[in-house]
Amino acid sequence: MFTGIVQGRAQVSAIERRDGFMQLTLEFPAEHCTDLQAGASIALNGTCLTITQFDRNRISFDLIAATLETTNLGALQIGDRVNFERAARIGDEIGGHTMSGHIYQTVEVLEIERTEDNCIIWFERPDALARYLLPKGFVGLNGCSLTMAEVETSRFCVYLIPETLRMTTFGELSPGAHVNVEVDPQTQAIVDTVERYLAQRTGL
């Protein structure tokens, strides 16, 4: 389980690609590498991955075809940076919202508006997820728990404060980039339940 509060950025240091498979090695900030163990989970750009091996602050993960097809991790190159969050522990403060690390798909960055104190990023609102992307609702974007400020038919936006830009890779995005999306599980459960109920009532 994750909270959507990104703990920092890790940099890709090595990639081994094979057909439908990728071994990914990243360098993490040393202060976030205590008590590591093989088999533990870390979210990279919101994607829950399992540690396969580690050497001090260099940590490796295996990515299979399903992960490569669904997320933006397969497009990474050496030197790229990703958002990371280590798995939540019982007793941790949950400042965001509960996230599973299971990515639904990627969405494209459409527009970025910058002012002195704000950064507004507009994303596409794909038909497959539109009913779960609602005004003032939660969404996980590249592992960050964010609130949707405005939602239109084909797009939605989030407002980012300077601290979020400092701690994450959002400040490095440009239009055309793709970010991983995880919808809020509570929103999904409510919407799906209501839709099933209405379908039963109307006989559709």
N, C-alpha and C. Protein backbone atom coordinates (compact mmCIF):
# COMPACT_ATOMS: atom_id res chain seq x y z
N MET A 1 0.84 -1.19 0.00
CA MET A 1 0.00 0.00 0.00
C MET A 1 0.88 1.24 0.00
N PHE A 2 0.39 2.30 -0.66
CA PHE A 2 1.11 3.56 -0.74
C PHE A 2 0.16 4.70 -0.41
N THR A 3 0.74 5.87 -0.13
CA THR A 3 -0.07 7.02 0.28
C THR A 3 -0.16 8.10 -0.78
N GLY A 4 0.66 7.99 -1.83
CA GLY A 4 0.66 9.03 -2.84
C GLY A 4 1.48 10.25 -2.47
N ILE A 5 2.23 10.16 -1.37
CA ILE A 5 3.13 11.25 -0.97
C ILE A 5 4.53 10.86 -1.44
N VAL A 6 4.94 11.43 -2.56
CA VAL A 6 6.24 11.09 -3.15
C VAL A 6 7.36 11.50 -2.21
N GLN A 7 8.32 10.60 -2.03
CA GLN A 7 9.41 10.84 -1.09
C GLN A 7 10.64 11.45 -1.75
N GLY A 8 10.68 11.41 -3.07
CA GLY A 8 11.82 11.98 -3.77
C GLY A 8 11.91 11.44 -5.18
N ARG A 9 13.08 11.67 -5.79
CA ARG A 9 13.33 11.24 -7.16
C ARG A 9 14.52 10.30 -7.20
N ALA A 10 14.42 9.27 -8.01
CA ALA A 10 15.52 8.33 -8.22
C ALA A 10 15.93 8.40 -9.68
N GLN A 11 17.22 8.20 -9.94
CA GLN A 11 17.74 8.33 -11.30
C GLN A 11 18.11 6.98 -11.89
N VAL A 12 17.71 6.77 -13.14
CA VAL A 12 18.00 5.51 -13.82
C VAL A 12 19.50 5.43 -14.10
N SER A 13 20.12 4.33 -13.64
CA SER A 13 21.56 4.16 -13.84
C SER A 13 21.90 3.00 -14.77
N ALA A 14 20.99 2.05 -14.93
CA ALA A 14 21.25 0.92 -15.83
C ALA A 14 19.92 0.32 -16.29
N ILE A 15 19.90 -0.14 -17.54
CA ILE A 15 18.72 -0.78 -18.12
C ILE A 15 19.17 -1.99 -18.93
N GLU A 16 18.51 -3.10 -18.70
CA GLU A 16 18.72 -4.29 -19.53
C GLU A 16 17.38 -4.68 -20.13
N ARG A 17 17.29 -4.62 -21.44
CA ARG A 17 16.03 -4.92 -22.13
C ARG A 17 16.12 -6.25 -22.86
N ARG A 18 15.06 -7.04 -22.71
CA ARG A 18 14.88 -8.25 -23.51
C ARG A 18 13.44 -8.23 -24.02
N ASP A 19 13.06 -9.21 -24.80
CA ASP A 19 11.72 -9.24 -25.37
C ASP A 19 10.68 -9.35 -24.25
N GLY A 20 9.85 -8.30 -24.09
CA GLY A 20 8.80 -8.30 -23.07
C GLY A 20 9.32 -8.26 -21.65
N PHE A 21 10.55 -7.78 -21.45
CA PHE A 21 11.15 -7.78 -20.11
C PHE A 21 12.16 -6.65 -20.02
N MET A 22 12.28 -6.05 -18.84
CA MET A 22 13.31 -5.03 -18.60
C MET A 22 13.77 -5.10 -17.16
N GLN A 23 15.07 -5.13 -16.97
CA GLN A 23 15.63 -4.97 -15.62
C GLN A 23 16.08 -3.53 -15.49
N LEU A 24 15.57 -2.87 -14.45
CA LEU A 24 15.77 -1.45 -14.25
C LEU A 24 16.53 -1.23 -12.95
N THR A 25 17.63 -0.47 -13.03
CA THR A 25 18.41 -0.15 -11.83
C THR A 25 18.46 1.37 -11.67
N LEU A 26 18.20 1.81 -10.44
CA LEU A 26 18.16 3.25 -10.15
C LEU A 26 19.01 3.56 -8.94
N GLU A 27 19.49 4.80 -8.90
CA GLU A 27 20.19 5.31 -7.73
C GLU A 27 19.23 6.17 -6.92
N PHE A 28 19.05 5.80 -5.65
CA PHE A 28 18.13 6.48 -4.75
C PHE A 28 18.91 7.37 -3.78
N PRO A 29 18.28 8.41 -3.24
CA PRO A 29 18.93 9.17 -2.16
C PRO A 29 19.27 8.23 -1.00
N ALA A 30 20.47 8.34 -0.49
CA ALA A 30 20.95 7.40 0.52
C ALA A 30 20.06 7.37 1.75
N GLU A 31 19.46 8.51 2.10
CA GLU A 31 18.64 8.56 3.32
C GLU A 31 17.35 7.75 3.20
N HIS A 32 17.01 7.31 2.00
CA HIS A 32 15.80 6.50 1.81
C HIS A 32 16.13 5.03 1.56
N CYS A 33 17.35 4.63 1.90
CA CYS A 33 17.77 3.26 1.60
C CYS A 33 18.05 2.43 2.84
N THR A 34 17.49 2.82 3.97
CA THR A 34 17.67 2.03 5.19
C THR A 34 16.68 0.87 5.19
N ASP A 35 17.12 -0.23 5.77
CA ASP A 35 16.27 -1.42 5.96
C ASP A 35 15.71 -1.96 4.65
N LEU A 36 16.49 -1.90 3.59
CA LEU A 36 16.06 -2.49 2.32
C LEU A 36 16.13 -4.01 2.41
N GLN A 37 15.27 -4.67 1.66
CA GLN A 37 15.35 -6.12 1.54
C GLN A 37 14.75 -6.56 0.21
N ALA A 38 15.31 -7.61 -0.35
CA ALA A 38 14.76 -8.16 -1.58
C ALA A 38 13.34 -8.63 -1.32
N GLY A 39 12.45 -8.35 -2.27
CA GLY A 39 11.06 -8.72 -2.12
C GLY A 39 10.18 -7.61 -1.60
N ALA A 40 10.79 -6.53 -1.08
CA ALA A 40 10.01 -5.38 -0.61
C ALA A 40 9.51 -4.58 -1.81
N SER A 41 8.49 -3.75 -1.57
CA SER A 41 7.86 -2.99 -2.64
C SER A 41 8.24 -1.51 -2.58
N ILE A 42 8.47 -0.95 -3.75
CA ILE A 42 8.68 0.48 -3.92
C ILE A 42 7.86 0.91 -5.14
N ALA A 43 7.19 2.04 -5.05
CA ALA A 43 6.44 2.57 -6.19
C ALA A 43 7.33 3.50 -6.99
N LEU A 44 7.45 3.23 -8.30
CA LEU A 44 8.18 4.10 -9.21
C LEU A 44 7.16 4.71 -10.17
N ASN A 45 7.07 6.04 -10.16
CA ASN A 45 6.02 6.73 -10.93
C ASN A 45 4.66 6.10 -10.65
N GLY A 46 4.47 5.71 -9.38
CA GLY A 46 3.19 5.16 -8.96
C GLY A 46 3.02 3.68 -9.22
N THR A 47 3.99 3.03 -9.85
CA THR A 47 3.90 1.61 -10.19
C THR A 47 4.54 0.77 -9.10
N CYS A 48 3.78 -0.11 -8.49
CA CYS A 48 4.31 -0.97 -7.43
C CYS A 48 5.25 -2.01 -8.03
N LEU A 49 6.53 -1.96 -7.63
CA LEU A 49 7.53 -2.90 -8.12
C LEU A 49 8.23 -3.58 -6.96
N THR A 50 8.79 -4.74 -7.23
CA THR A 50 9.46 -5.54 -6.20
C THR A 50 10.97 -5.42 -6.34
N ILE A 51 11.64 -5.15 -5.23
CA ILE A 51 13.11 -5.10 -5.24
C ILE A 51 13.65 -6.50 -5.52
N THR A 52 14.49 -6.62 -6.55
CA THR A 52 15.11 -7.91 -6.85
C THR A 52 16.53 -8.01 -6.29
N GLN A 53 17.24 -6.89 -6.26
CA GLN A 53 18.57 -6.84 -5.65
C GLN A 53 18.93 -5.39 -5.36
N PHE A 54 19.90 -5.19 -4.48
CA PHE A 54 20.33 -3.84 -4.16
C PHE A 54 21.76 -3.86 -3.65
N ASP A 55 22.44 -2.74 -3.87
CA ASP A 55 23.80 -2.54 -3.39
C ASP A 55 23.88 -1.09 -2.92
N ARG A 56 23.82 -0.93 -1.60
CA ARG A 56 23.74 0.41 -1.00
C ARG A 56 22.56 1.18 -1.59
N ASN A 57 22.81 2.24 -2.37
CA ASN A 57 21.67 3.02 -2.85
C ASN A 57 21.28 2.71 -4.30
N ARG A 58 21.86 1.64 -4.85
CA ARG A 58 21.49 1.19 -6.20
C ARG A 58 20.51 0.01 -6.06
N ILE A 59 19.31 0.19 -6.58
CA ILE A 59 18.25 -0.79 -6.40
C ILE A 59 17.74 -1.23 -7.76
N SER A 60 17.54 -2.55 -7.92
CA SER A 60 17.10 -3.10 -9.21
C SER A 60 15.71 -3.71 -9.10
N PHE A 61 14.99 -3.65 -10.22
CA PHE A 61 13.62 -4.15 -10.33
C PHE A 61 13.48 -4.87 -11.67
N ASP A 62 12.61 -5.89 -11.70
CA ASP A 62 12.27 -6.57 -12.95
C ASP A 62 10.89 -6.12 -13.40
N LEU A 63 10.78 -5.73 -14.66
CA LEU A 63 9.51 -5.30 -15.23
C LEU A 63 9.11 -6.27 -16.33
N ILE A 64 7.89 -6.82 -16.22
CA ILE A 64 7.41 -7.76 -17.22
C ILE A 64 6.55 -7.04 -18.26
N ALA A 65 6.11 -7.79 -19.27
CA ALA A 65 5.42 -7.20 -20.42
C ALA A 65 4.20 -6.37 -20.02
N ALA A 66 3.39 -6.88 -19.10
CA ALA A 66 2.17 -6.17 -18.71
C ALA A 66 2.49 -4.79 -18.14
N THR A 67 3.55 -4.70 -17.35
CA THR A 67 3.95 -3.41 -16.78
C THR A 67 4.47 -2.48 -17.86
N LEU A 68 5.26 -3.02 -18.77
CA LEU A 68 5.84 -2.20 -19.84
C LEU A 68 4.76 -1.66 -20.77
N GLU A 69 3.70 -2.45 -20.97
CA GLU A 69 2.63 -2.03 -21.88
C GLU A 69 1.69 -1.00 -21.25
N THR A 70 1.55 -1.04 -19.93
CA THR A 70 0.55 -0.22 -19.25
C THR A 70 1.10 1.10 -18.73
N THR A 71 2.38 1.13 -18.39
CA THR A 71 2.97 2.30 -17.72
C THR A 71 3.96 3.03 -18.63
N ASN A 72 4.51 4.12 -18.10
CA ASN A 72 5.52 4.87 -18.85
C ASN A 72 6.95 4.42 -18.53
N LEU A 73 7.10 3.36 -17.74
CA LEU A 73 8.44 2.94 -17.32
C LEU A 73 9.24 2.33 -18.47
N GLY A 74 8.54 1.73 -19.43
CA GLY A 74 9.25 1.12 -20.55
C GLY A 74 9.95 2.12 -21.44
N ALA A 75 9.58 3.38 -21.36
CA ALA A 75 10.20 4.42 -22.19
C ALA A 75 11.39 5.09 -21.51
N LEU A 76 11.72 4.67 -20.29
CA LEU A 76 12.81 5.30 -19.57
C LEU A 76 14.15 5.08 -20.26
N GLN A 77 15.03 6.07 -20.11
CA GLN A 77 16.40 5.98 -20.60
C GLN A 77 17.35 6.27 -19.44
N ILE A 78 18.60 5.86 -19.59
CA ILE A 78 19.60 6.11 -18.56
C ILE A 78 19.73 7.63 -18.34
N GLY A 79 19.68 8.03 -17.08
CA GLY A 79 19.74 9.44 -16.73
C GLY A 79 18.38 10.03 -16.40
N ASP A 80 17.30 9.38 -16.84
CA ASP A 80 15.95 9.85 -16.51
C ASP A 80 15.70 9.71 -15.01
N ARG A 81 14.78 10.51 -14.51
CA ARG A 81 14.41 10.43 -13.10
C ARG A 81 12.94 10.07 -12.96
N VAL A 82 12.63 9.36 -11.87
CA VAL A 82 11.25 8.95 -11.59
C VAL A 82 10.91 9.32 -10.15
N ASN A 83 9.61 9.48 -9.88
CA ASN A 83 9.13 9.66 -8.52
C ASN A 83 9.16 8.32 -7.79
N PHE A 84 9.47 8.33 -6.51
CA PHE A 84 9.42 7.07 -5.77
C PHE A 84 8.76 7.27 -4.42
N GLU A 85 8.17 6.19 -3.94
CA GLU A 85 7.63 6.11 -2.59
C GLU A 85 7.82 4.69 -2.09
N ARG A 86 8.44 4.55 -0.94
CA ARG A 86 8.54 3.22 -0.33
C ARG A 86 7.18 2.85 0.27
N ALA A 87 6.94 1.56 0.40
CA ALA A 87 5.64 1.09 0.88
C ALA A 87 5.33 1.64 2.26
N ALA A 88 4.06 1.97 2.47
CA ALA A 88 3.62 2.50 3.76
C ALA A 88 3.68 1.40 4.82
N ARG A 89 3.93 1.81 6.06
CA ARG A 89 3.94 0.89 7.18
C ARG A 89 2.81 1.25 8.15
N ILE A 90 2.36 0.28 8.90
CA ILE A 90 1.33 0.54 9.90
C ILE A 90 1.81 1.63 10.86
N GLY A 91 0.99 2.64 11.04
CA GLY A 91 1.35 3.74 11.91
C GLY A 91 1.85 4.96 11.16
N ASP A 92 2.17 4.80 9.84
CA ASP A 92 2.60 5.96 9.05
C ASP A 92 1.45 6.94 8.87
N GLU A 93 1.78 8.21 8.78
CA GLU A 93 0.78 9.22 8.47
C GLU A 93 0.41 9.11 7.00
N ILE A 94 -0.88 9.09 6.69
CA ILE A 94 -1.35 9.04 5.31
C ILE A 94 -1.81 10.44 4.94
N GLY A 95 -0.92 11.18 4.30
CA GLY A 95 -1.24 12.56 3.97
C GLY A 95 -1.94 12.71 2.64
N GLY A 96 -1.91 11.64 1.83
CA GLY A 96 -2.57 11.68 0.53
C GLY A 96 -3.84 10.85 0.56
N HIS A 97 -3.89 9.82 -0.29
CA HIS A 97 -4.99 8.87 -0.22
C HIS A 97 -4.43 7.48 -0.48
N THR A 98 -5.12 6.46 -0.04
CA THR A 98 -4.63 5.10 -0.18
C THR A 98 -4.51 4.71 -1.64
N MET A 99 -3.33 4.22 -2.02
CA MET A 99 -3.07 3.83 -3.40
C MET A 99 -2.46 2.43 -3.42
N SER A 100 -2.79 1.67 -4.47
CA SER A 100 -2.32 0.28 -4.57
C SER A 100 -1.04 0.15 -5.37
N GLY A 101 -0.75 1.14 -6.19
CA GLY A 101 0.40 1.01 -7.08
C GLY A 101 0.08 0.26 -8.36
N HIS A 102 -1.21 0.04 -8.63
CA HIS A 102 -1.64 -0.65 -9.85
C HIS A 102 -2.09 0.40 -10.87
N ILE A 103 -1.29 0.61 -11.89
CA ILE A 103 -1.54 1.66 -12.88
C ILE A 103 -2.59 1.19 -13.89
N TYR A 104 -3.52 2.09 -14.22
CA TYR A 104 -4.58 1.76 -15.18
C TYR A 104 -4.11 1.99 -16.61
N GLN A 105 -3.44 3.12 -16.85
CA GLN A 105 -2.95 3.46 -18.16
C GLN A 105 -2.14 4.75 -18.02
N THR A 106 -1.64 5.28 -19.13
CA THR A 106 -0.99 6.58 -19.11
C THR A 106 -1.92 7.61 -19.76
N VAL A 107 -1.71 8.87 -19.39
CA VAL A 107 -2.44 9.97 -20.04
C VAL A 107 -1.42 11.02 -20.48
N GLU A 108 -1.78 11.75 -21.51
CA GLU A 108 -0.87 12.72 -22.09
C GLU A 108 -1.01 14.10 -21.43
N VAL A 109 0.11 14.76 -21.25
CA VAL A 109 0.12 16.15 -20.80
C VAL A 109 -0.26 17.02 -21.99
N LEU A 110 -1.33 17.81 -21.83
CA LEU A 110 -1.82 18.64 -22.93
C LEU A 110 -1.29 20.06 -22.87
N GLU A 111 -1.21 20.62 -21.68
CA GLU A 111 -0.84 22.03 -21.54
C GLU A 111 -0.30 22.27 -20.15
N ILE A 112 0.67 23.17 -20.05
CA ILE A 112 1.24 23.55 -18.75
C ILE A 112 1.21 25.07 -18.65
N GLU A 113 0.58 25.57 -17.58
CA GLU A 113 0.50 27.00 -17.32
C GLU A 113 1.33 27.30 -16.07
N ARG A 114 2.26 28.23 -16.18
CA ARG A 114 3.11 28.57 -15.05
C ARG A 114 2.95 30.04 -14.67
N THR A 115 2.82 30.26 -13.37
CA THR A 115 2.85 31.62 -12.84
C THR A 115 3.95 31.66 -11.78
N GLU A 116 4.06 32.76 -11.08
CA GLU A 116 5.14 32.88 -10.09
C GLU A 116 5.02 31.84 -8.99
N ASP A 117 3.80 31.53 -8.57
CA ASP A 117 3.62 30.63 -7.42
C ASP A 117 2.84 29.37 -7.74
N ASN A 118 2.37 29.23 -8.96
CA ASN A 118 1.54 28.07 -9.30
C ASN A 118 1.99 27.42 -10.61
N CYS A 119 1.67 26.16 -10.69
CA CYS A 119 1.86 25.43 -11.95
C CYS A 119 0.58 24.63 -12.19
N ILE A 120 -0.06 24.88 -13.30
CA ILE A 120 -1.31 24.19 -13.65
C ILE A 120 -1.03 23.27 -14.82
N ILE A 121 -1.29 21.99 -14.64
CA ILE A 121 -1.04 21.02 -15.71
C ILE A 121 -2.36 20.40 -16.14
N TRP A 122 -2.62 20.45 -17.44
CA TRP A 122 -3.81 19.84 -18.03
C TRP A 122 -3.45 18.50 -18.66
N PHE A 123 -4.27 17.50 -18.37
CA PHE A 123 -4.09 16.15 -18.89
C PHE A 123 -5.31 15.74 -19.70
N GLU A 124 -5.11 14.81 -20.61
CA GLU A 124 -6.26 14.25 -21.31
C GLU A 124 -7.12 13.46 -20.33
N ARG A 125 -8.42 13.41 -20.60
CA ARG A 125 -9.36 12.65 -19.78
C ARG A 125 -9.92 11.53 -20.65
N PRO A 126 -9.28 10.37 -20.65
CA PRO A 126 -9.66 9.29 -21.57
C PRO A 126 -11.05 8.74 -21.26
N ASP A 127 -11.75 8.33 -22.30
CA ASP A 127 -13.11 7.81 -22.15
C ASP A 127 -13.18 6.66 -21.16
N ALA A 128 -12.17 5.79 -21.17
CA ALA A 128 -12.20 4.59 -20.32
C ALA A 128 -12.19 4.93 -18.84
N LEU A 129 -11.67 6.10 -18.47
CA LEU A 129 -11.56 6.48 -17.06
C LEU A 129 -12.38 7.70 -16.70
N ALA A 130 -13.07 8.28 -17.67
CA ALA A 130 -13.73 9.58 -17.47
C ALA A 130 -14.68 9.58 -16.28
N ARG A 131 -15.43 8.50 -16.07
CA ARG A 131 -16.43 8.52 -15.00
C ARG A 131 -15.79 8.48 -13.61
N TYR A 132 -14.49 8.18 -13.53
CA TYR A 132 -13.80 8.17 -12.24
C TYR A 132 -13.00 9.46 -12.00
N LEU A 133 -12.88 10.30 -13.01
CA LEU A 133 -12.09 11.53 -12.91
C LEU A 133 -13.06 12.70 -12.76
N LEU A 134 -13.31 13.07 -11.52
CA LEU A 134 -14.38 14.00 -11.18
C LEU A 134 -13.83 15.24 -10.48
N PRO A 135 -14.52 16.38 -10.60
CA PRO A 135 -14.04 17.61 -9.94
C PRO A 135 -13.85 17.41 -8.44
N LYS A 136 -12.72 17.87 -7.94
CA LYS A 136 -12.33 17.78 -6.52
C LYS A 136 -12.07 16.36 -6.07
N GLY A 137 -12.04 15.40 -6.99
CA GLY A 137 -11.75 14.02 -6.65
C GLY A 137 -10.25 13.77 -6.64
N PHE A 138 -9.86 12.64 -6.05
CA PHE A 138 -8.46 12.25 -6.00
C PHE A 138 -8.06 11.52 -7.28
N VAL A 139 -6.78 11.66 -7.64
CA VAL A 139 -6.21 10.86 -8.72
C VAL A 139 -4.72 10.68 -8.41
N GLY A 140 -4.19 9.53 -8.79
CA GLY A 140 -2.76 9.29 -8.66
C GLY A 140 -2.09 9.52 -10.00
N LEU A 141 -1.15 10.47 -10.06
CA LEU A 141 -0.43 10.79 -11.30
C LEU A 141 1.06 10.63 -11.04
N ASN A 142 1.67 9.69 -11.75
CA ASN A 142 3.09 9.37 -11.53
C ASN A 142 3.39 9.18 -10.05
N GLY A 143 2.43 8.59 -9.34
CA GLY A 143 2.63 8.26 -7.94
C GLY A 143 2.25 9.34 -6.96
N CYS A 144 1.84 10.53 -7.45
CA CYS A 144 1.46 11.63 -6.56
C CYS A 144 -0.04 11.63 -6.33
N SER A 145 -0.46 11.73 -5.09
CA SER A 145 -1.86 11.90 -4.76
C SER A 145 -2.22 13.36 -4.98
N LEU A 146 -3.12 13.60 -5.95
CA LEU A 146 -3.47 14.97 -6.32
C LEU A 146 -4.98 15.13 -6.41
N THR A 147 -5.42 16.37 -6.23
CA THR A 147 -6.84 16.70 -6.35
C THR A 147 -7.08 17.38 -7.68
N MET A 148 -8.08 16.89 -8.41
CA MET A 148 -8.42 17.52 -9.69
C MET A 148 -9.13 18.83 -9.45
N ALA A 149 -8.58 19.91 -9.98
CA ALA A 149 -9.14 21.24 -9.75
C ALA A 149 -10.30 21.52 -10.71
N GLU A 150 -10.10 21.21 -11.97
CA GLU A 150 -11.13 21.43 -12.97
C GLU A 150 -11.20 20.19 -13.86
N VAL A 151 -12.42 19.83 -14.24
CA VAL A 151 -12.63 18.67 -15.10
C VAL A 151 -13.55 19.08 -16.24
N GLU A 152 -13.07 18.89 -17.46
CA GLU A 152 -13.86 19.16 -18.64
C GLU A 152 -14.12 17.85 -19.38
N THR A 153 -14.86 17.90 -20.45
CA THR A 153 -15.25 16.67 -21.14
C THR A 153 -14.05 15.82 -21.54
N SER A 154 -13.03 16.45 -22.07
CA SER A 154 -11.90 15.68 -22.61
C SER A 154 -10.59 15.95 -21.90
N ARG A 155 -10.62 16.75 -20.82
CA ARG A 155 -9.37 17.03 -20.11
C ARG A 155 -9.66 17.42 -18.66
N PHE A 156 -8.62 17.35 -17.83
CA PHE A 156 -8.70 17.79 -16.44
C PHE A 156 -7.37 18.40 -16.05
N CYS A 157 -7.38 19.16 -14.94
CA CYS A 157 -6.13 19.78 -14.53
C CYS A 157 -5.91 19.64 -13.03
N VAL A 158 -4.65 19.79 -12.65
CA VAL A 158 -4.26 19.84 -11.24
C VAL A 158 -3.39 21.09 -11.05
N TYR A 159 -3.44 21.63 -9.82
CA TYR A 159 -2.61 22.77 -9.46
C TYR A 159 -1.48 22.25 -8.56
N LEU A 160 -0.25 22.62 -8.88
CA LEU A 160 0.89 22.14 -8.12
C LEU A 160 1.59 23.29 -7.42
N ILE A 161 1.87 23.11 -6.13
CA ILE A 161 2.59 24.12 -5.37
C ILE A 161 4.10 23.94 -5.57
N PRO A 162 4.90 24.94 -5.27
CA PRO A 162 6.35 24.83 -5.46
C PRO A 162 6.98 23.61 -4.78
N GLU A 163 6.48 23.23 -3.60
CA GLU A 163 7.06 22.09 -2.89
C GLU A 163 6.86 20.80 -3.69
N THR A 164 5.70 20.63 -4.31
CA THR A 164 5.47 19.44 -5.13
C THR A 164 6.42 19.43 -6.32
N LEU A 165 6.62 20.59 -6.94
CA LEU A 165 7.54 20.67 -8.08
C LEU A 165 8.97 20.36 -7.64
N ARG A 166 9.32 20.76 -6.43
CA ARG A 166 10.68 20.52 -5.93
C ARG A 166 10.93 19.05 -5.64
N MET A 167 9.93 18.37 -5.11
CA MET A 167 10.10 16.99 -4.66
C MET A 167 9.87 15.95 -5.76
N THR A 168 9.23 16.33 -6.84
CA THR A 168 8.82 15.36 -7.86
C THR A 168 9.38 15.73 -9.23
N THR A 169 9.05 14.91 -10.20
CA THR A 169 9.48 15.15 -11.58
C THR A 169 8.48 16.01 -12.35
N PHE A 170 7.43 16.50 -11.71
CA PHE A 170 6.43 17.27 -12.44
C PHE A 170 7.02 18.55 -13.04
N GLY A 171 8.01 19.13 -12.41
CA GLY A 171 8.65 20.32 -12.94
C GLY A 171 9.43 20.06 -14.22
N GLU A 172 9.68 18.78 -14.51
CA GLU A 172 10.44 18.42 -15.71
C GLU A 172 9.53 18.04 -16.88
N LEU A 173 8.22 18.00 -16.64
CA LEU A 173 7.31 17.58 -17.71
C LEU A 173 7.15 18.67 -18.76
N SER A 174 6.77 18.24 -19.95
CA SER A 174 6.44 19.16 -21.04
C SER A 174 5.24 18.58 -21.79
N PRO A 175 4.51 19.40 -22.52
CA PRO A 175 3.37 18.88 -23.29
C PRO A 175 3.80 17.73 -24.21
N GLY A 176 2.96 16.70 -24.24
CA GLY A 176 3.27 15.51 -25.02
C GLY A 176 3.81 14.37 -24.18
N ALA A 177 4.27 14.66 -22.96
CA ALA A 177 4.74 13.61 -22.06
C ALA A 177 3.56 12.77 -21.59
N HIS A 178 3.83 11.54 -21.18
CA HIS A 178 2.79 10.65 -20.66
C HIS A 178 3.07 10.31 -19.21
N VAL A 179 2.03 10.38 -18.39
CA VAL A 179 2.17 10.06 -16.97
C VAL A 179 1.26 8.89 -16.62
N ASN A 180 1.66 8.14 -15.61
CA ASN A 180 0.88 7.00 -15.14
C ASN A 180 -0.32 7.47 -14.33
N VAL A 181 -1.44 6.76 -14.47
CA VAL A 181 -2.67 7.12 -13.77
C VAL A 181 -3.17 5.95 -12.94
N GLU A 182 -3.51 6.24 -11.68
CA GLU A 182 -4.27 5.31 -10.84
C GLU A 182 -5.48 6.06 -10.30
N VAL A 183 -6.67 5.57 -10.59
CA VAL A 183 -7.87 6.25 -10.10
C VAL A 183 -8.08 5.90 -8.64
N ASP A 184 -8.78 6.79 -7.95
CA ASP A 184 -9.06 6.60 -6.53
C ASP A 184 -9.96 5.37 -6.37
N PRO A 185 -9.54 4.35 -5.61
CA PRO A 185 -10.33 3.12 -5.49
C PRO A 185 -11.70 3.33 -4.86
N GLN A 186 -11.83 4.28 -3.93
CA GLN A 186 -13.13 4.54 -3.33
C GLN A 186 -14.08 5.16 -4.34
N THR A 187 -13.57 6.10 -5.14
CA THR A 187 -14.39 6.68 -6.20
C THR A 187 -14.84 5.61 -7.17
N GLN A 188 -13.92 4.75 -7.55
CA GLN A 188 -14.25 3.67 -8.50
C GLN A 188 -15.33 2.76 -7.93
N ALA A 189 -15.19 2.40 -6.66
CA ALA A 189 -16.17 1.50 -6.04
C ALA A 189 -17.55 2.13 -5.99
N ILE A 190 -17.61 3.42 -5.63
CA ILE A 190 -18.91 4.10 -5.54
C ILE A 190 -19.55 4.22 -6.92
N VAL A 191 -18.76 4.67 -7.91
CA VAL A 191 -19.30 4.84 -9.26
C VAL A 191 -19.78 3.51 -9.83
N ASP A 192 -18.98 2.46 -9.67
CA ASP A 192 -19.37 1.15 -10.21
C ASP A 192 -20.63 0.63 -9.52
N THR A 193 -20.73 0.82 -8.20
CA THR A 193 -21.90 0.35 -7.46
C THR A 193 -23.16 1.09 -7.91
N VAL A 194 -23.06 2.39 -8.04
CA VAL A 194 -24.21 3.19 -8.48
C VAL A 194 -24.62 2.80 -9.89
N GLU A 195 -23.67 2.60 -10.77
CA GLU A 195 -23.99 2.22 -12.14
C GLU A 195 -24.70 0.86 -12.19
N ARG A 196 -24.22 -0.09 -11.39
CA ARG A 196 -24.86 -1.42 -11.36
C ARG A 196 -26.28 -1.31 -10.81
N TYR A 197 -26.44 -0.50 -9.77
CA TYR A 197 -27.76 -0.34 -9.17
C TYR A 197 -28.73 0.29 -10.17
N LEU A 198 -28.30 1.34 -10.84
CA LEU A 198 -29.18 2.00 -11.82
C LEU A 198 -29.50 1.08 -12.98
N ALA A 199 -28.54 0.27 -13.39
CA ALA A 199 -28.77 -0.67 -14.48
C ALA A 199 -29.83 -1.70 -14.08
N GLN A 200 -29.76 -2.17 -12.83
CA GLN A 200 -30.75 -3.13 -12.36
C GLN A 200 -32.13 -2.50 -12.26
N ARG A 201 -32.17 -1.22 -11.83
CA ARG A 201 -33.46 -0.54 -11.68
C ARG A 201 -34.13 -0.28 -13.02
N THR A 202 -33.30 0.03 -14.02
CA THR A 202 -33.85 0.37 -15.34
C THR A 202 -33.94 -0.83 -16.27
N GLY A 203 -33.30 -1.94 -15.85
CA GLY A 203 -33.34 -3.15 -16.66
C GLY A 203 -32.43 -3.08 -17.87
N LEU A 204 -31.42 -2.17 -17.84
CA LEU A 204 -30.49 -2.03 -18.96
C LEU A 204 -29.29 -2.92 -18.77
